[in-house]
Amino acid sequence: MAKSKNHTGHNQIYKNHRNGIKKSRRPRKMSMQGMNCRFVRNQAFAKRGMKKLTAEEKEEQLKAQREAQKRIDEKRIAERQG
């Protein structure tokens, strides 16, 4: 008995290009899958808490965050240097 044909790519490129090969769309929100679940949960609560704040309170929090970030960056630099 003759062997039967297993595979051919004939006409596939033509069919794919009929409607054009498009780039996949970038998601609007980054997936939280695979992230630290404790961080994700805390982030959700923090976002809800920010809605309740007034403009002045928000500014105070942002200043505090920036200062904390500066301290962390300074620690990292100090650790690298010595």
N, C-alpha and C. Protein backbone atom coordinates (compact mmCIF):
# COMPACT_ATOMS: atom_id res chain seq x y z
N MET A 1 0.83 -1.19 0.00
CA MET A 1 0.00 0.00 0.00
C MET A 1 0.87 1.25 0.00
N ALA A 2 0.39 2.27 -0.70
CA ALA A 2 1.14 3.53 -0.75
C ALA A 2 0.91 4.34 0.52
N LYS A 3 1.94 5.07 0.88
CA LYS A 3 1.80 5.92 2.06
C LYS A 3 0.92 7.12 1.73
N SER A 4 0.14 7.55 2.72
CA SER A 4 -0.71 8.72 2.48
C SER A 4 0.05 9.99 2.87
N LYS A 5 -0.42 11.11 2.34
CA LYS A 5 0.24 12.39 2.60
C LYS A 5 -0.05 12.84 4.03
N ASN A 6 0.97 13.30 4.75
CA ASN A 6 0.79 13.70 6.13
C ASN A 6 0.47 15.18 6.30
N HIS A 7 1.14 16.05 5.52
CA HIS A 7 0.98 17.48 5.76
C HIS A 7 1.32 18.29 4.52
N THR A 8 0.64 19.40 4.36
CA THR A 8 1.02 20.36 3.33
C THR A 8 0.64 21.76 3.79
N GLY A 9 1.46 22.74 3.42
CA GLY A 9 1.17 24.13 3.77
C GLY A 9 0.60 24.89 2.59
N HIS A 10 0.19 24.16 1.57
CA HIS A 10 -0.31 24.80 0.35
C HIS A 10 -1.53 25.68 0.65
N ASN A 11 -1.51 26.90 0.14
CA ASN A 11 -2.63 27.85 0.22
C ASN A 11 -2.78 28.51 1.60
N GLN A 12 -2.02 28.08 2.59
CA GLN A 12 -2.21 28.63 3.94
C GLN A 12 -1.76 30.08 4.02
N ILE A 13 -0.63 30.40 3.39
CA ILE A 13 -0.14 31.79 3.43
C ILE A 13 -1.12 32.69 2.71
N TYR A 14 -1.64 32.24 1.63
CA TYR A 14 -2.63 33.04 0.88
C TYR A 14 -3.86 33.32 1.76
N LYS A 15 -4.34 32.28 2.42
CA LYS A 15 -5.52 32.44 3.27
C LYS A 15 -5.25 33.38 4.43
N ASN A 16 -4.05 33.27 5.04
CA ASN A 16 -3.71 34.13 6.17
C ASN A 16 -3.61 35.59 5.77
N HIS A 17 -3.12 35.85 4.57
CA HIS A 17 -2.92 37.23 4.14
C HIS A 17 -4.17 37.86 3.53
N ARG A 18 -5.20 37.06 3.29
CA ARG A 18 -6.43 37.63 2.70
C ARG A 18 -6.98 38.74 3.58
N ASN A 19 -7.04 38.52 4.88
CA ASN A 19 -7.53 39.53 5.82
C ASN A 19 -6.38 40.30 6.46
N GLY A 20 -5.18 39.99 6.09
CA GLY A 20 -4.01 40.67 6.64
C GLY A 20 -3.59 40.05 7.96
N ILE A 21 -2.29 39.99 8.18
CA ILE A 21 -1.78 39.48 9.45
C ILE A 21 -1.62 40.69 10.35
N LYS A 22 -2.39 40.74 11.43
CA LYS A 22 -2.42 41.91 12.31
C LYS A 22 -1.61 41.64 13.56
N LYS A 23 -1.07 42.74 14.13
CA LYS A 23 -0.40 42.63 15.42
C LYS A 23 -1.46 42.47 16.49
N SER A 24 -1.13 41.72 17.52
CA SER A 24 -2.09 41.55 18.60
C SER A 24 -2.21 42.86 19.37
N ARG A 25 -3.39 43.16 19.85
CA ARG A 25 -3.63 44.41 20.56
C ARG A 25 -3.06 44.32 21.96
N ARG A 26 -2.56 45.46 22.43
CA ARG A 26 -1.98 45.51 23.77
C ARG A 26 -3.12 45.67 24.78
N PRO A 27 -3.10 44.91 25.86
CA PRO A 27 -4.19 45.02 26.82
C PRO A 27 -4.19 46.37 27.53
N ARG A 28 -5.39 46.86 27.88
CA ARG A 28 -5.49 48.15 28.57
C ARG A 28 -4.96 48.05 29.99
N LYS A 29 -5.24 46.94 30.64
CA LYS A 29 -4.78 46.73 32.02
C LYS A 29 -3.78 45.59 32.03
N MET A 30 -2.74 45.76 32.82
CA MET A 30 -1.77 44.69 32.95
C MET A 30 -2.37 43.56 33.79
N SER A 31 -2.09 42.35 33.42
CA SER A 31 -2.63 41.20 34.14
C SER A 31 -2.01 41.11 35.52
N MET A 32 -2.84 40.78 36.50
CA MET A 32 -2.35 40.61 37.87
C MET A 32 -1.95 39.16 38.13
N GLN A 33 -2.13 38.31 37.14
CA GLN A 33 -1.82 36.90 37.30
C GLN A 33 -0.31 36.72 37.46
N GLY A 34 0.07 35.98 38.47
CA GLY A 34 1.48 35.74 38.72
C GLY A 34 2.11 36.77 39.64
N MET A 35 1.38 37.84 39.97
CA MET A 35 1.90 38.85 40.89
C MET A 35 1.70 38.36 42.32
N ASN A 36 2.41 38.98 43.22
CA ASN A 36 2.28 38.67 44.64
C ASN A 36 0.86 39.01 45.07
N CYS A 37 0.09 38.02 45.52
CA CYS A 37 -1.33 38.21 45.82
C CYS A 37 -1.54 39.19 46.97
N ARG A 38 -0.60 39.22 47.90
CA ARG A 38 -0.72 40.15 49.03
C ARG A 38 -0.59 41.59 48.54
N PHE A 39 0.33 41.80 47.59
CA PHE A 39 0.53 43.12 47.01
C PHE A 39 -0.71 43.56 46.23
N VAL A 40 -1.27 42.65 45.44
CA VAL A 40 -2.43 42.97 44.61
C VAL A 40 -3.62 43.34 45.50
N ARG A 41 -3.80 42.58 46.57
CA ARG A 41 -4.91 42.84 47.49
C ARG A 41 -4.74 44.19 48.16
N ASN A 42 -3.54 44.47 48.62
CA ASN A 42 -3.26 45.74 49.28
C ASN A 42 -3.45 46.90 48.32
N GLN A 43 -3.05 46.71 47.08
CA GLN A 43 -3.17 47.76 46.07
C GLN A 43 -4.65 48.12 45.84
N ALA A 44 -5.50 47.11 45.82
CA ALA A 44 -6.94 47.34 45.63
C ALA A 44 -7.50 48.17 46.78
N PHE A 45 -7.13 47.82 48.02
CA PHE A 45 -7.61 48.57 49.18
C PHE A 45 -7.07 50.00 49.15
N ALA A 46 -5.83 50.15 48.74
CA ALA A 46 -5.22 51.49 48.68
C ALA A 46 -5.94 52.37 47.67
N LYS A 47 -6.31 51.79 46.52
CA LYS A 47 -7.02 52.56 45.50
C LYS A 47 -8.37 53.02 46.02
N ARG A 48 -9.05 52.13 46.73
CA ARG A 48 -10.35 52.50 47.29
C ARG A 48 -10.20 53.59 48.34
N GLY A 49 -9.14 53.50 49.14
CA GLY A 49 -8.90 54.49 50.18
C GLY A 49 -8.58 55.86 49.61
N MET A 50 -7.92 55.88 48.45
CA MET A 50 -7.54 57.15 47.83
C MET A 50 -8.76 57.93 47.35
N LYS A 51 -9.84 57.22 47.03
CA LYS A 51 -11.05 57.89 46.56
C LYS A 51 -11.68 58.76 47.65
N LYS A 52 -11.50 58.34 48.91
CA LYS A 52 -12.14 59.03 50.02
C LYS A 52 -11.39 60.29 50.45
N LEU A 53 -10.11 60.43 50.02
CA LEU A 53 -9.28 61.53 50.48
C LEU A 53 -9.62 62.86 49.78
N THR A 54 -9.33 63.94 50.48
CA THR A 54 -9.48 65.27 49.88
C THR A 54 -8.19 65.59 49.12
N ALA A 55 -8.19 66.70 48.39
CA ALA A 55 -7.03 67.08 47.58
C ALA A 55 -5.79 67.31 48.44
N GLU A 56 -5.98 67.97 49.61
CA GLU A 56 -4.83 68.25 50.48
C GLU A 56 -4.23 66.96 51.04
N GLU A 57 -5.12 66.06 51.45
CA GLU A 57 -4.65 64.79 52.01
C GLU A 57 -3.89 63.98 50.96
N LYS A 58 -4.36 64.03 49.72
CA LYS A 58 -3.69 63.31 48.64
C LYS A 58 -2.28 63.85 48.45
N GLU A 59 -2.15 65.19 48.47
CA GLU A 59 -0.82 65.79 48.30
C GLU A 59 0.11 65.39 49.42
N GLU A 60 -0.40 65.38 50.65
CA GLU A 60 0.41 64.97 51.80
C GLU A 60 0.91 63.54 51.62
N GLN A 61 0.00 62.67 51.18
CA GLN A 61 0.38 61.27 50.98
C GLN A 61 1.44 61.14 49.90
N LEU A 62 1.27 61.90 48.81
CA LEU A 62 2.25 61.83 47.72
C LEU A 62 3.63 62.29 48.19
N LYS A 63 3.66 63.36 49.00
CA LYS A 63 4.94 63.83 49.54
C LYS A 63 5.58 62.75 50.40
N ALA A 64 4.77 62.12 51.26
CA ALA A 64 5.29 61.07 52.14
C ALA A 64 5.83 59.90 51.31
N GLN A 65 5.12 59.54 50.24
CA GLN A 65 5.55 58.45 49.38
C GLN A 65 6.89 58.77 48.72
N ARG A 66 7.01 60.02 48.21
CA ARG A 66 8.25 60.42 47.56
C ARG A 66 9.42 60.38 48.53
N GLU A 67 9.20 60.86 49.74
CA GLU A 67 10.26 60.84 50.76
C GLU A 67 10.67 59.41 51.09
N ALA A 68 9.68 58.54 51.24
CA ALA A 68 9.96 57.12 51.54
C ALA A 68 10.74 56.49 50.39
N GLN A 69 10.36 56.82 49.16
CA GLN A 69 11.05 56.26 48.00
C GLN A 69 12.50 56.75 47.95
N LYS A 70 12.71 58.03 48.29
CA LYS A 70 14.08 58.56 48.32
C LYS A 70 14.93 57.81 49.34
N ARG A 71 14.34 57.55 50.52
CA ARG A 71 15.07 56.82 51.55
C ARG A 71 15.45 55.42 51.08
N ILE A 72 14.51 54.77 50.41
CA ILE A 72 14.77 53.41 49.90
C ILE A 72 15.88 53.45 48.86
N ASP A 73 15.81 54.44 47.95
CA ASP A 73 16.83 54.56 46.91
C ASP A 73 18.21 54.81 47.53
N GLU A 74 18.26 55.68 48.55
CA GLU A 74 19.52 55.97 49.22
C GLU A 74 20.10 54.72 49.88
N LYS A 75 19.22 53.90 50.48
CA LYS A 75 19.67 52.65 51.10
C LYS A 75 20.28 51.72 50.05
N ARG A 76 19.60 51.61 48.92
CA ARG A 76 20.09 50.73 47.84
C ARG A 76 21.46 51.18 47.35
N ILE A 77 21.60 52.49 47.16
CA ILE A 77 22.87 53.03 46.69
C ILE A 77 23.97 52.75 47.71
N ALA A 78 23.64 52.95 49.00
CA ALA A 78 24.62 52.71 50.06
C ALA A 78 25.03 51.23 50.10
N GLU A 79 24.07 50.34 49.88
CA GLU A 79 24.38 48.90 49.89
C GLU A 79 25.28 48.52 48.73
N ARG A 80 25.04 49.11 47.58
CA ARG A 80 25.86 48.80 46.39
C ARG A 80 27.28 49.30 46.56
N GLN A 81 27.42 50.48 47.16
CA GLN A 81 28.76 51.07 47.29
C GLN A 81 29.59 50.39 48.38
N GLY A 82 28.91 49.93 49.39
CA GLY A 82 29.80 49.39 50.36
C GLY A 82 29.30 48.62 51.45
